């Protein structure tokens, strides 16, 4: 059995809560475009500036994956529009709850890592970085690492300029 003292997982009923606004929720309940509107929007090569035409046009670009507008609206459009605000709200909560404030802490610090084996340089935005202790904190509201960051993280781990840093 795992040592519960070091187990960071918790039952869902014990999860923290935090508030954020998903701007796309205002389109919850929006129906599909009329046949005439769909024909008009199908002729456009770039997204219109006005809503709800923009929502409908984006659906038309993905209609093969989402034949029903309501499925696109709920599963793709509204959900994806909430990702960034949710992540930022969760990050603010973690920073506040853990006291990652003060002159030593920098949030959203963009840094470069160089892979000494390939010579390739990567840019990475660190969620929270302590300039004194060189701690790096990666904050995920969905618990799922971004697979595109793996090569950057591997380069960071090998870069001798960052050998004193540590991820928490």
C-alpha atoms as a PDB file:
ATOM      1  CA  UNK A   1       0.000   0.000   0.000  1.00  0.00           C
ATOM      2  CA  UNK A   2       1.194   3.512  -0.768  1.00  0.00           C
ATOM      3  CA  UNK A   3       2.389   5.756   2.023  1.00  0.00           C
ATOM      4  CA  UNK A   4      -0.630   8.068   2.528  1.00  0.00           C
ATOM      5  CA  UNK A   5       1.620  10.746   4.024  1.00  0.00           C
ATOM      6  CA  UNK A   6       2.971  11.480   0.536  1.00  0.00           C
ATOM      7  CA  UNK A   7      -0.168  10.764  -1.500  1.00  0.00           C
ATOM      8  CA  UNK A   8      -1.328  14.046  -3.059  1.00  0.00           C
ATOM      9  CA  UNK A   9      -4.518  12.580  -4.502  1.00  0.00           C
ATOM     10  CA  UNK A  10      -7.827  13.243  -2.819  1.00  0.00           C
ATOM     11  CA  UNK A  11     -11.380  12.062  -3.249  1.00  0.00           C
ATOM     12  CA  UNK A  12     -13.339  14.264  -5.636  1.00  0.00           C
ATOM     13  CA  UNK A  13     -15.590  15.353  -2.748  1.00  0.00           C
ATOM     14  CA  UNK A  14     -12.507  16.929  -1.141  1.00  0.00           C
ATOM     15  CA  UNK A  15     -11.390  18.876  -4.197  1.00  0.00           C
ATOM     16  CA  UNK A  16     -10.931  22.611  -3.825  1.00  0.00           C
ATOM     17  CA  UNK A  17     -13.232  24.979  -5.642  1.00  0.00           C
ATOM     18  CA  UNK A  18     -12.435  28.190  -7.481  1.00  0.00           C
ATOM     19  CA  UNK A  19     -14.440  30.523  -9.653  1.00  0.00           C
ATOM     20  CA  UNK A  20     -13.887  31.508 -13.271  1.00  0.00           C
ATOM     21  CA  UNK A  21     -15.974  32.813 -16.145  1.00  0.00           C
ATOM     22  CA  UNK A  22     -16.254  30.884 -19.383  1.00  0.00           C
ATOM     23  CA  UNK A  23     -17.118  33.553 -21.983  1.00  0.00           C
ATOM     24  CA  UNK A  24     -18.638  30.989 -24.367  1.00  0.00           C
ATOM     25  CA  UNK A  25     -21.334  30.001 -21.865  1.00  0.00           C
ATOM     26  CA  UNK A  26     -23.414  32.876 -23.227  1.00  0.00           C
ATOM     27  CA  UNK A  27     -23.917  30.724 -26.331  1.00  0.00           C
ATOM     28  CA  UNK A  28     -25.248  27.754 -24.358  1.00  0.00           C
ATOM     29  CA  UNK A  29     -28.620  27.070 -25.947  1.00  0.00           C
ATOM     30  CA  UNK A  30     -27.736  28.626 -29.312  1.00  0.00           C
ATOM     31  CA  UNK A  31     -29.284  26.554 -32.090  1.00  0.00           C
ATOM     32  CA  UNK A  32     -27.832  25.732 -35.489  1.00  0.00           C
ATOM     33  CA  UNK A  33     -27.883  28.317 -38.265  1.00  0.00           C
ATOM     34  CA  UNK A  34     -30.709  28.412 -40.756  1.00  0.00           C
ATOM     35  CA  UNK A  35     -30.072  26.815 -44.140  1.00  0.00           C
ATOM     36  CA  UNK A  36     -29.728  30.281 -45.683  1.00  0.00           C
ATOM     37  CA  UNK A  37     -27.247  31.410 -42.992  1.00  0.00           C
ATOM     38  CA  UNK A  38     -25.265  28.164 -43.369  1.00  0.00           C
ATOM     39  CA  UNK A  39     -25.022  28.695 -47.131  1.00  0.00           C
ATOM     40  CA  UNK A  40     -23.910  32.300 -46.602  1.00  0.00           C
ATOM     41  CA  UNK A  41     -21.254  31.344 -44.020  1.00  0.00           C
ATOM     42  CA  UNK A  42     -20.001  28.406 -46.103  1.00  0.00           C
ATOM     43  CA  UNK A  43     -18.768  30.868 -48.736  1.00  0.00           C
ATOM     44  CA  UNK A  44     -16.478  32.696 -46.288  1.00  0.00           C
ATOM     45  CA  UNK A  45     -12.755  31.878 -46.156  1.00  0.00           C
ATOM     46  CA  UNK A  46     -12.151  33.465 -42.763  1.00  0.00           C
ATOM     47  CA  UNK A  47     -14.148  33.753 -39.562  1.00  0.00           C
ATOM     48  CA  UNK A  48     -16.654  36.594 -39.385  1.00  0.00           C
ATOM     49  CA  UNK A  49     -16.125  39.210 -36.682  1.00  0.00           C
ATOM     50  CA  UNK A  50     -19.656  39.123 -35.278  1.00  0.00           C
ATOM     51  CA  UNK A  51     -21.343  36.559 -33.077  1.00  0.00           C
ATOM     52  CA  UNK A  52     -23.133  34.195 -33.454  1.00  0.00           C
ATOM     53  CA  UNK A  53     -21.938  34.014 -37.077  1.00  0.00           C
ATOM     54  CA  UNK A  54     -18.419  33.334 -35.821  1.00  0.00           C
ATOM     55  CA  UNK A  55     -19.586  30.357 -33.717  1.00  0.00           C
ATOM     56  CA  UNK A  56     -21.556  28.913 -36.599  1.00  0.00           C
ATOM     57  CA  UNK A  57     -18.684  29.446 -39.089  1.00  0.00           C
ATOM     58  CA  UNK A  58     -16.245  27.626 -36.794  1.00  0.00           C
ATOM     59  CA  UNK A  59     -18.688  24.723 -36.541  1.00  0.00           C
ATOM     60  CA  UNK A  60     -18.939  24.559 -40.337  1.00  0.00           C
ATOM     61  CA  UNK A  61     -15.144  24.181 -40.470  1.00  0.00           C
ATOM     62  CA  UNK A  62     -15.438  21.089 -38.225  1.00  0.00           C
ATOM     63  CA  UNK A  63     -18.786  19.742 -39.376  1.00  0.00           C
ATOM     64  CA  UNK A  64     -17.238  16.414 -40.455  1.00  0.00           C
ATOM     65  CA  UNK A  65     -16.253  15.775 -36.819  1.00  0.00           C
ATOM     66  CA  UNK A  66     -19.423  17.309 -35.349  1.00  0.00           C
ATOM     67  CA  UNK A  67     -22.387  16.784 -37.706  1.00  0.00           C
ATOM     68  CA  UNK A  68     -24.778  18.176 -35.084  1.00  0.00           C
ATOM     69  CA  UNK A  69     -24.194  21.813 -34.151  1.00  0.00           C
ATOM     70  CA  UNK A  70     -25.244  21.190 -30.536  1.00  0.00           C
ATOM     71  CA  UNK A  71     -22.505  18.565 -30.131  1.00  0.00           C
ATOM     72  CA  UNK A  72     -19.874  21.008 -31.431  1.00  0.00           C
ATOM     73  CA  UNK A  73     -21.221  23.845 -29.264  1.00  0.00           C
ATOM     74  CA  UNK A  74     -21.195  21.814 -26.047  1.00  0.00           C
ATOM     75  CA  UNK A  75     -18.213  19.479 -26.518  1.00  0.00           C
ATOM     76  CA  UNK A  76     -15.814  21.721 -28.397  1.00  0.00           C
ATOM     77  CA  UNK A  77     -16.690  25.407 -28.424  1.00  0.00           C
ATOM     78  CA  UNK A  78     -17.923  25.991 -24.866  1.00  0.00           C
ATOM     79  CA  UNK A  79     -15.540  23.478 -23.290  1.00  0.00           C
ATOM     80  CA  UNK A  80     -12.426  24.787 -25.057  1.00  0.00           C
ATOM     81  CA  UNK A  81     -13.323  28.416 -24.391  1.00  0.00           C
ATOM     82  CA  UNK A  82     -13.262  27.668 -20.668  1.00  0.00           C
ATOM     83  CA  UNK A  83      -9.814  26.051 -20.628  1.00  0.00           C
ATOM     84  CA  UNK A  84      -7.728  29.224 -20.428  1.00  0.00           C
ATOM     85  CA  UNK A  85      -9.886  31.055 -17.838  1.00  0.00           C
ATOM     86  CA  UNK A  86     -10.107  27.862 -15.740  1.00  0.00           C
ATOM     87  CA  UNK A  87      -6.342  27.356 -15.860  1.00  0.00           C
ATOM     88  CA  UNK A  88      -5.611  30.959 -14.904  1.00  0.00           C
ATOM     89  CA  UNK A  89      -8.094  30.854 -12.022  1.00  0.00           C
ATOM     90  CA  UNK A  90      -6.631  27.586 -10.741  1.00  0.00           C
ATOM     91  CA  UNK A  91      -3.098  28.990 -11.016  1.00  0.00           C
ATOM     92  CA  UNK A  92      -4.092  32.080  -8.992  1.00  0.00           C
ATOM     93  CA  UNK A  93      -5.634  29.819  -6.339  1.00  0.00           C
ATOM     94  CA  UNK A  94      -2.545  27.601  -6.061  1.00  0.00           C
ATOM     95  CA  UNK A  95      -0.222  30.614  -5.873  1.00  0.00           C
ATOM     96  CA  UNK A  96      -2.351  32.215  -3.146  1.00  0.00           C
ATOM     97  CA  UNK A  97      -2.935  28.986  -1.183  1.00  0.00           C
ATOM     98  CA  UNK A  98       0.753  28.074  -1.151  1.00  0.00           C
ATOM     99  CA  UNK A  99       2.114  31.572  -0.575  1.00  0.00           C
ATOM    100  CA  UNK A 100       4.117  31.676  -3.797  1.00  0.00           C
ATOM    101  CA  UNK A 101       4.350  35.440  -3.562  1.00  0.00           C
ATOM    102  CA  UNK A 102       7.057  37.915  -2.732  1.00  0.00           C
ATOM    103  CA  UNK A 103      10.219  39.147  -4.396  1.00  0.00           C
ATOM    104  CA  UNK A 104      11.626  35.633  -4.934  1.00  0.00           C
ATOM    105  CA  UNK A 105       8.650  34.311  -6.892  1.00  0.00           C
ATOM    106  CA  UNK A 106       8.016  35.079 -10.556  1.00  0.00           C
ATOM    107  CA  UNK A 107       4.890  33.786 -12.284  1.00  0.00           C
ATOM    108  CA  UNK A 108       4.714  33.070 -16.001  1.00  0.00           C
ATOM    109  CA  UNK A 109       8.478  33.409 -16.359  1.00  0.00           C
ATOM    110  CA  UNK A 110       9.651  32.670 -19.875  1.00  0.00           C
ATOM    111  CA  UNK A 111      13.051  30.987 -19.986  1.00  0.00           C
ATOM    112  CA  UNK A 112      15.309  29.207 -22.443  1.00  0.00           C
ATOM    113  CA  UNK A 113      16.654  25.700 -22.045  1.00  0.00           C
ATOM    114  CA  UNK A 114      19.361  24.278 -24.266  1.00  0.00           C
ATOM    115  CA  UNK A 115      19.661  20.567 -24.882  1.00  0.00           C
ATOM    116  CA  UNK A 116      23.413  19.907 -24.579  1.00  0.00           C
ATOM    117  CA  UNK A 117      23.111  16.748 -26.690  1.00  0.00           C
ATOM    118  CA  UNK A 118      21.366  18.298 -29.694  1.00  0.00           C
ATOM    119  CA  UNK A 119      22.239  21.974 -29.226  1.00  0.00           C
ATOM    120  CA  UNK A 120      18.582  22.829 -29.741  1.00  0.00           C
ATOM    121  CA  UNK A 121      17.202  25.726 -27.691  1.00  0.00           C
ATOM    122  CA  UNK A 122      13.664  25.646 -26.313  1.00  0.00           C
ATOM    123  CA  UNK A 123      11.543  28.429 -24.850  1.00  0.00           C
ATOM    124  CA  UNK A 124       9.280  27.468 -21.966  1.00  0.00           C
ATOM    125  CA  UNK A 125       6.922  29.455 -19.788  1.00  0.00           C
ATOM    126  CA  UNK A 126       7.219  28.436 -16.144  1.00  0.00           C
ATOM    127  CA  UNK A 127       4.040  28.800 -14.095  1.00  0.00           C
ATOM    128  CA  UNK A 128       5.957  29.783 -10.954  1.00  0.00           C
ATOM    129  CA  UNK A 129       9.700  30.153 -10.451  1.00  0.00           C
ATOM    130  CA  UNK A 130      11.632  30.981  -7.293  1.00  0.00           C
ATOM    131  CA  UNK A 131      14.759  32.971  -8.175  1.00  0.00           C
ATOM    132  CA  UNK A 132      16.424  32.227  -4.826  1.00  0.00           C
ATOM    133  CA  UNK A 133      15.764  28.471  -4.468  1.00  0.00           C
ATOM    134  CA  UNK A 134      15.395  27.840  -8.226  1.00  0.00           C
ATOM    135  CA  UNK A 135      12.201  25.891  -7.594  1.00  0.00           C
ATOM    136  CA  UNK A 136       9.949  25.507 -10.612  1.00  0.00           C
ATOM    137  CA  UNK A 137       6.269  24.812 -10.145  1.00  0.00           C
ATOM    138  CA  UNK A 138       4.109  23.506 -12.971  1.00  0.00           C
ATOM    139  CA  UNK A 139       0.404  24.065 -12.268  1.00  0.00           C
ATOM    140  CA  UNK A 140      -2.264  22.047 -14.096  1.00  0.00           C
ATOM    141  CA  UNK A 141      -5.979  22.557 -13.508  1.00  0.00           C
ATOM    142  CA  UNK A 142      -6.863  19.420 -15.451  1.00  0.00           C
ATOM    143  CA  UNK A 143      -4.124  17.152 -14.080  1.00  0.00           C
ATOM    144  CA  UNK A 144      -2.878  16.419 -17.566  1.00  0.00           C
ATOM    145  CA  UNK A 145       0.586  17.486 -18.742  1.00  0.00           C
ATOM    146  CA  UNK A 146       0.867  19.042 -22.182  1.00  0.00           C
ATOM    147  CA  UNK A 147       2.706  16.473 -24.314  1.00  0.00           C
ATOM    148  CA  UNK A 148       4.196  19.288 -26.441  1.00  0.00           C
ATOM    149  CA  UNK A 149       6.194  20.393 -23.380  1.00  0.00           C
ATOM    150  CA  UNK A 150       7.988  17.052 -22.936  1.00  0.00           C
ATOM    151  CA  UNK A 151      10.950  17.860 -25.265  1.00  0.00           C
ATOM    152  CA  UNK A 152      11.330  21.223 -23.513  1.00  0.00           C
ATOM    153  CA  UNK A 153      11.292  19.584 -20.090  1.00  0.00           C
ATOM    154  CA  UNK A 154      13.857  16.985 -21.164  1.00  0.00           C
ATOM    155  CA  UNK A 155      16.135  19.749 -22.455  1.00  0.00           C
ATOM    156  CA  UNK A 156      15.686  21.618 -19.163  1.00  0.00           C
ATOM    157  CA  UNK A 157      16.645  18.492 -17.217  1.00  0.00           C
ATOM    158  CA  UNK A 158      19.887  18.131 -19.214  1.00  0.00           C
ATOM    159  CA  UNK A 159      20.858  21.824 -19.438  1.00  0.00           C
ATOM    160  CA  UNK A 160      23.836  22.429 -17.107  1.00  0.00           C
ATOM    161  CA  UNK A 161      22.759  26.069 -16.613  1.00  0.00           C
ATOM    162  CA  UNK A 162      19.661  24.755 -14.817  1.00  0.00           C
ATOM    163  CA  UNK A 163      21.292  21.929 -12.857  1.00  0.00           C
ATOM    164  CA  UNK A 164      20.544  23.584  -9.520  1.00  0.00           C
ATOM    165  CA  UNK A 165      16.833  24.016 -10.257  1.00  0.00           C
ATOM    166  CA  UNK A 166      14.206  21.556  -9.193  1.00  0.00           C
ATOM    167  CA  UNK A 167      10.638  20.939 -10.168  1.00  0.00           C
ATOM    168  CA  UNK A 168       7.968  20.607  -7.495  1.00  0.00           C
END
